[in-house]
Amino acid sequence: MISILSEGIYQSPRYELPGIGSFLFQGAFVGALVAFSFPVYGILAHPENGYNFLLIAWLPFILASGVGFGVLVAVLIWAITYAAGHRLHLVVRVIIGAVTLAILLVIDDLLFSDPAYRKAPSARDYFYLIRFYIPHGVVFGLVIGSRLQPLHELLRGTTPPRRLALTGITGFLLRVLIIIGTMYSILIFIWSMQWSRPRVELTMSVIALAHFLAALVIVFARMPFWLLLLLAVVINFPVVTLITDVLTENHPLQRNFVLVYLHLWAAFLVCRLSLPHKEKCNENRNNWRRWFRRQSFDNPTR
């Protein structure tokens, strides 16, 4: 009787649904990406503003708020999905994401905005908010509840799996650091292009952007270890040059950050290094011996 009940539970559609953790990580992932679009838009929309650099400094707080909004939307979509007992249709998720994000933004404005600067919104203001925020809510609905697994990609190691804990930790830390570095490099590059910066600063921003974009592709792509090692050495050569020839002892914060970054790359590569097994070495040695014997039998004059 117990086995029959357990089989019924395992075969139920609700049991096959992904857990709330999958929804939460999807919400945090898409929330951070959507939040990143706000400083990009702010810098591009007001190039004459001399305080655009503050958006770069506030990036951690902007990403944290985006993660918070994404988690709240994910909880609601998960609750509706669990109550329905099956994955929600794409259109349903999009509608839920758009409506929920709009409601959360209105609540956030009512609770945290300064009443002294608040004015009665007009129909045009509401239209602008809908036009600007609804696409972000649609992105929330597209990702949350889908089969995308951002946490799996951040923790992904080797195939076949080896050193699960170390490969997962090093992969997660390096990939998250590269994603954040890519965001910063994009903002700094846009800001540098808007103002007449010295050629050295503009060149450094271009090199940093190119490095992080290349690193982003490398750490998420599936490739053999020899190619991963080669590409890692090539893209990190400018970083090594930076710490040896540019950053001096007068820049301890920058030097420590670069050193941590390079150490993470080294740990990432070491954890994915595959040494030949003893049995495989013995097999290769025996194969070579058989090949030499066969050659000597085929050519007795030697």
Protein backbone atom coordinates (compact mmCIF):
# COMPACT_ATOMS: atom_id res chain seq x y z
CA MET A 1 0.00 0.00 0.00
CA ILE A 2 2.83 2.38 0.91
CA SER A 3 4.65 1.62 -2.34
CA ILE A 4 1.51 2.34 -4.34
CA LEU A 5 1.05 5.70 -2.61
CA SER A 6 4.71 6.61 -3.12
CA GLU A 7 4.52 5.73 -6.81
CA GLY A 8 1.44 7.92 -7.13
CA ILE A 9 3.23 10.83 -5.51
CA TYR A 10 6.30 10.44 -7.73
CA GLN A 11 4.19 10.29 -10.88
CA SER A 12 2.07 13.34 -10.01
CA PRO A 13 2.62 16.49 -12.10
CA ARG A 14 3.25 18.60 -8.97
CA TYR A 15 6.13 16.35 -7.94
CA GLU A 16 7.81 16.90 -11.31
CA LEU A 17 7.72 20.69 -10.94
CA PRO A 18 11.04 22.43 -10.20
CA GLY A 19 11.53 23.53 -6.62
CA ILE A 20 11.26 27.07 -5.38
CA GLY A 21 15.06 27.35 -5.39
CA SER A 22 15.12 27.14 -9.18
CA PHE A 23 12.57 29.96 -9.42
CA LEU A 24 14.47 32.11 -6.92
CA PHE A 25 17.76 31.82 -8.79
CA GLN A 26 16.01 32.59 -12.06
CA GLY A 27 14.44 35.66 -10.48
CA ALA A 28 17.74 36.83 -8.99
CA PHE A 29 19.51 36.32 -12.32
CA VAL A 30 17.02 38.17 -14.49
CA GLY A 31 16.53 40.84 -11.82
CA ALA A 32 20.22 41.68 -11.84
CA LEU A 33 20.31 41.82 -15.66
CA VAL A 34 17.22 44.03 -15.84
CA ALA A 35 18.56 46.32 -13.13
CA PHE A 36 21.80 46.74 -15.06
CA SER A 37 19.85 48.30 -17.92
CA PHE A 38 18.89 51.27 -15.70
CA PRO A 39 22.39 52.76 -15.22
CA VAL A 40 23.13 52.07 -18.90
CA TYR A 41 20.00 53.97 -19.88
CA GLY A 42 20.74 56.72 -17.36
CA ILE A 43 24.23 57.35 -18.73
CA LEU A 44 23.14 57.22 -22.36
CA ALA A 45 20.03 59.36 -21.86
CA HIS A 46 21.85 62.24 -20.14
CA PRO A 47 25.34 62.56 -21.59
CA GLU A 48 25.57 66.18 -20.50
CA ASN A 49 25.19 65.29 -16.82
CA GLY A 50 28.54 65.54 -15.09
CA TYR A 51 27.42 63.22 -12.28
CA ASN A 52 26.88 60.14 -14.43
CA PHE A 53 29.79 58.45 -12.69
CA LEU A 54 27.60 58.13 -9.59
CA LEU A 55 25.56 55.49 -11.44
CA ILE A 56 28.75 53.46 -11.74
CA ALA A 57 29.41 53.81 -8.01
CA TRP A 58 25.83 52.81 -7.18
CA LEU A 59 25.89 49.69 -9.35
CA PRO A 60 26.03 47.21 -6.40
CA PHE A 61 22.94 48.79 -4.81
CA ILE A 62 21.13 48.87 -8.16
CA LEU A 63 21.88 45.18 -8.75
CA ALA A 64 20.79 44.31 -5.20
CA SER A 65 17.45 46.06 -5.72
CA GLY A 66 16.98 44.23 -9.01
CA VAL A 67 17.69 40.91 -7.31
CA GLY A 68 15.11 41.77 -4.64
CA PHE A 69 12.42 42.57 -7.22
CA GLY A 70 13.27 39.41 -9.15
CA VAL A 71 12.99 37.22 -6.06
CA LEU A 72 9.57 38.66 -5.18
CA VAL A 73 8.28 38.07 -8.71
CA ALA A 74 9.73 34.55 -8.65
CA VAL A 75 7.96 33.71 -5.38
CA LEU A 76 4.60 34.75 -6.84
CA ILE A 77 5.10 32.84 -10.11
CA TRP A 78 6.24 29.75 -8.17
CA ALA A 79 3.19 29.93 -5.89
CA ILE A 80 0.81 30.14 -8.86
CA THR A 81 2.70 27.36 -10.64
CA TYR A 82 2.54 25.11 -7.57
CA ALA A 83 -1.17 25.82 -7.12
CA ALA A 84 -1.86 25.04 -10.79
CA GLY A 85 0.15 21.80 -10.57
CA HIS A 86 1.96 22.31 -13.89
CA ARG A 87 4.27 24.74 -15.65
CA LEU A 88 2.50 27.94 -16.58
CA HIS A 89 2.16 28.93 -20.21
CA LEU A 90 4.62 31.48 -21.50
CA VAL A 91 1.90 34.11 -22.04
CA VAL A 92 0.59 33.63 -18.50
CA ARG A 93 4.07 34.07 -17.02
CA VAL A 94 4.65 37.20 -19.08
CA ILE A 95 1.39 38.75 -17.88
CA ILE A 96 2.14 37.85 -14.24
CA GLY A 97 5.68 39.24 -14.51
CA ALA A 98 4.59 42.52 -16.09
CA VAL A 99 1.69 43.14 -13.69
CA THR A 100 3.64 42.12 -10.59
CA LEU A 101 6.63 44.30 -11.44
CA ALA A 102 4.34 47.29 -12.07
CA ILE A 103 2.61 46.80 -8.71
CA LEU A 104 5.93 46.42 -6.86
CA LEU A 105 7.31 49.60 -8.43
CA VAL A 106 4.19 51.57 -7.45
CA ILE A 107 4.45 50.27 -3.87
CA ASP A 108 8.15 51.12 -3.79
CA ASP A 109 7.41 54.65 -5.01
CA LEU A 110 4.69 55.17 -2.40
CA LEU A 111 6.80 53.87 0.48
CA PHE A 112 10.25 55.27 -0.24
CA SER A 113 9.83 58.39 -2.38
CA ASP A 114 9.91 61.80 -0.74
CA PRO A 115 6.33 63.15 -0.36
CA ALA A 116 7.62 66.71 -0.73
CA TYR A 117 8.66 65.97 -4.34
CA ARG A 118 5.74 63.74 -5.18
CA LYS A 119 3.12 65.18 -7.50
CA ALA A 120 -0.14 63.85 -8.81
CA PRO A 121 0.73 61.70 -11.85
CA SER A 122 -1.01 62.45 -15.11
CA ALA A 123 -2.21 60.02 -17.76
CA ARG A 124 0.93 60.79 -19.73
CA ASP A 125 3.09 59.84 -16.74
CA TYR A 126 1.29 56.52 -16.40
CA PHE A 127 1.70 55.85 -20.12
CA TYR A 128 5.42 56.54 -19.85
CA LEU A 129 5.78 54.19 -16.88
CA ILE A 130 3.87 51.44 -18.67
CA ARG A 131 5.92 51.87 -21.83
CA PHE A 132 9.18 51.82 -19.89
CA TYR A 133 8.56 49.12 -17.27
CA ILE A 134 6.27 46.63 -19.02
CA PRO A 135 9.09 45.27 -21.24
CA HIS A 136 11.13 44.60 -18.10
CA GLY A 137 8.23 42.70 -16.59
CA VAL A 138 7.92 40.70 -19.80
CA VAL A 139 11.58 39.67 -19.46
CA PHE A 140 10.85 38.52 -15.90
CA GLY A 141 8.00 36.34 -17.14
CA LEU A 142 10.08 34.89 -19.98
CA VAL A 143 12.88 33.70 -17.69
CA ILE A 144 11.17 32.84 -14.39
CA GLY A 145 9.46 29.48 -14.66
CA SER A 146 11.33 28.51 -17.84
CA ARG A 147 13.86 25.70 -18.19
CA LEU A 148 16.80 28.08 -17.92
CA GLN A 149 19.18 27.06 -15.11
CA PRO A 150 21.47 30.02 -14.31
CA LEU A 151 22.80 28.45 -11.10
CA HIS A 152 23.77 25.27 -12.96
CA GLU A 153 25.71 27.32 -15.51
CA LEU A 154 27.49 29.27 -12.78
CA LEU A 155 28.48 26.07 -10.95
CA ARG A 156 29.16 23.97 -14.04
CA GLY A 157 32.41 22.04 -13.89
CA THR A 158 33.86 19.31 -16.08
CA THR A 159 32.44 16.43 -18.09
CA PRO A 160 32.67 13.81 -16.67
CA PRO A 161 32.36 15.47 -13.25
CA ARG A 162 35.57 15.78 -11.20
CA ARG A 163 36.18 17.56 -7.89
CA LEU A 164 32.56 18.70 -7.68
CA ALA A 165 33.00 21.04 -4.72
CA LEU A 166 36.16 22.77 -5.97
CA THR A 167 35.04 23.09 -9.60
CA GLY A 168 31.66 24.41 -8.48
CA ILE A 169 33.10 27.01 -6.08
CA THR A 170 35.83 28.26 -8.40
CA GLY A 171 33.47 28.35 -11.37
CA PHE A 172 30.83 30.26 -9.43
CA LEU A 173 33.24 32.84 -8.01
CA LEU A 174 35.10 33.48 -11.27
CA ARG A 175 31.97 33.64 -13.42
CA VAL A 176 30.16 36.02 -11.07
CA LEU A 177 33.27 38.22 -10.85
CA ILE A 178 33.56 38.31 -14.64
CA ILE A 179 29.87 39.18 -15.05
CA ILE A 180 30.21 42.08 -12.60
CA GLY A 181 33.46 43.16 -14.24
CA THR A 182 31.74 43.16 -17.63
CA MET A 183 28.99 45.41 -16.27
CA TYR A 184 31.48 47.86 -14.79
CA SER A 185 33.59 47.91 -17.96
CA ILE A 186 30.53 48.65 -20.10
CA LEU A 187 29.49 51.57 -17.90
CA ILE A 188 33.02 52.97 -17.70
CA PHE A 189 33.45 52.68 -21.47
CA ILE A 190 30.18 54.53 -22.16
CA TRP A 191 31.07 57.22 -19.62
CA SER A 192 34.58 57.61 -21.08
CA MET A 193 33.19 58.05 -24.59
CA GLN A 194 30.89 60.88 -23.49
CA TRP A 195 33.63 63.05 -22.09
CA SER A 196 36.99 64.15 -23.44
CA ARG A 197 39.08 61.74 -21.43
CA PRO A 198 42.85 61.32 -21.88
CA ARG A 199 43.73 58.80 -24.53
CA VAL A 200 45.31 56.52 -21.93
CA GLU A 201 42.08 56.24 -19.91
CA LEU A 202 40.00 55.62 -23.02
CA THR A 203 42.43 52.93 -24.20
CA MET A 204 42.36 51.23 -20.80
CA SER A 205 38.55 51.19 -20.82
CA VAL A 206 38.54 49.58 -24.27
CA ILE A 207 41.07 46.94 -23.19
CA ALA A 208 39.09 46.19 -20.03
CA LEU A 209 35.84 45.85 -21.97
CA ALA A 210 37.43 43.57 -24.57
CA HIS A 211 39.03 41.44 -21.85
CA PHE A 212 35.84 40.89 -19.85
CA LEU A 213 33.73 40.18 -22.93
CA ALA A 214 36.25 37.57 -24.09
CA ALA A 215 36.49 36.12 -20.58
CA LEU A 216 32.70 35.93 -20.37
CA VAL A 217 32.58 33.78 -23.50
CA ILE A 218 35.48 31.58 -22.38
CA VAL A 219 34.23 30.71 -18.89
CA PHE A 220 30.74 29.80 -20.10
CA ALA A 221 31.70 27.98 -23.30
CA ARG A 222 32.23 24.23 -23.40
CA MET A 223 35.70 23.48 -24.76
CA PRO A 224 38.59 21.06 -24.20
CA PHE A 225 41.02 21.92 -21.44
CA TRP A 226 43.97 22.63 -23.75
CA LEU A 227 41.94 25.29 -25.59
CA LEU A 228 40.64 26.72 -22.31
CA LEU A 229 44.20 27.01 -20.99
CA LEU A 230 45.47 28.63 -24.19
CA LEU A 231 42.70 31.23 -24.31
CA ALA A 232 43.02 31.95 -20.60
CA VAL A 233 46.74 32.67 -20.97
CA VAL A 234 46.14 34.91 -24.00
CA ILE A 235 43.41 37.07 -22.46
CA ASN A 236 45.15 37.35 -19.06
CA PHE A 237 48.50 38.42 -20.48
CA PRO A 238 47.43 42.12 -20.48
CA VAL A 239 46.26 41.68 -16.87
CA VAL A 240 49.69 40.39 -15.86
CA THR A 241 51.29 43.30 -17.71
CA LEU A 242 48.98 45.68 -15.86
CA ILE A 243 50.06 44.47 -12.44
CA THR A 244 53.77 44.33 -13.31
CA ASP A 245 54.25 47.51 -15.35
CA VAL A 246 51.34 49.86 -14.60
CA LEU A 247 50.06 49.36 -11.06
CA THR A 248 52.70 50.24 -8.52
CA GLU A 249 52.86 49.98 -4.76
CA ASN A 250 50.92 53.23 -4.63
CA HIS A 251 47.82 51.38 -5.86
CA PRO A 252 47.35 48.67 -3.22
CA LEU A 253 43.58 48.29 -3.71
CA GLN A 254 43.82 47.83 -7.47
CA ARG A 255 46.79 45.47 -7.15
CA ASN A 256 45.02 43.29 -4.59
CA PHE A 257 41.91 43.10 -6.76
CA VAL A 258 43.95 42.06 -9.80
CA LEU A 259 45.85 39.49 -7.74
CA VAL A 260 42.62 37.97 -6.45
CA TYR A 261 41.30 37.88 -10.01
CA LEU A 262 44.40 36.09 -11.33
CA HIS A 263 44.37 33.63 -8.44
CA LEU A 264 40.74 32.80 -9.21
CA TRP A 265 41.70 32.13 -12.83
CA ALA A 266 44.53 29.85 -11.66
CA ALA A 267 42.22 27.94 -9.30
CA PHE A 268 39.61 27.69 -12.06
CA LEU A 269 42.13 26.11 -14.42
CA VAL A 270 43.76 23.81 -11.85
CA CYS A 271 40.40 22.36 -10.81
CA ARG A 272 39.66 21.53 -14.45
CA LEU A 273 43.04 19.97 -15.16
CA SER A 274 42.71 16.27 -15.93
CA LEU A 275 45.77 14.14 -15.27
CA PRO A 276 46.00 10.75 -17.00
CA HIS A 277 45.06 7.82 -14.79
CA LYS A 278 47.56 5.11 -13.96
CA GLU A 279 45.46 2.50 -15.76
CA LYS A 280 45.35 4.65 -18.88
CA CYS A 281 49.14 5.13 -18.78
CA ASN A 282 49.66 1.39 -18.46
CA GLU A 283 47.31 0.77 -21.36
CA ASN A 284 49.15 3.26 -23.56
CA ARG A 285 52.49 1.71 -22.60
CA ASN A 286 51.25 -1.77 -23.51
CA ASN A 287 49.91 -0.48 -26.82
CA TRP A 288 53.31 0.98 -27.68
CA ARG A 289 55.04 -2.29 -26.78
CA ARG A 290 52.70 -4.31 -28.99
CA TRP A 291 53.27 -1.86 -31.82
CA PHE A 292 57.08 -2.21 -31.57
CA ARG A 293 56.84 -6.01 -31.44
CA ARG A 294 54.63 -6.04 -34.49
CA GLN A 295 57.06 -3.81 -36.33
CA SER A 296 59.99 -6.07 -35.43
CA PHE A 297 58.11 -9.19 -36.59
CA ASP A 298 57.11 -7.56 -39.87
CA ASN A 299 60.72 -6.43 -40.51
CA PRO A 300 63.04 -9.21 -39.24
CA THR A 301 66.06 -7.69 -41.05
CA ARG A 302 66.16 -4.93 -38.44
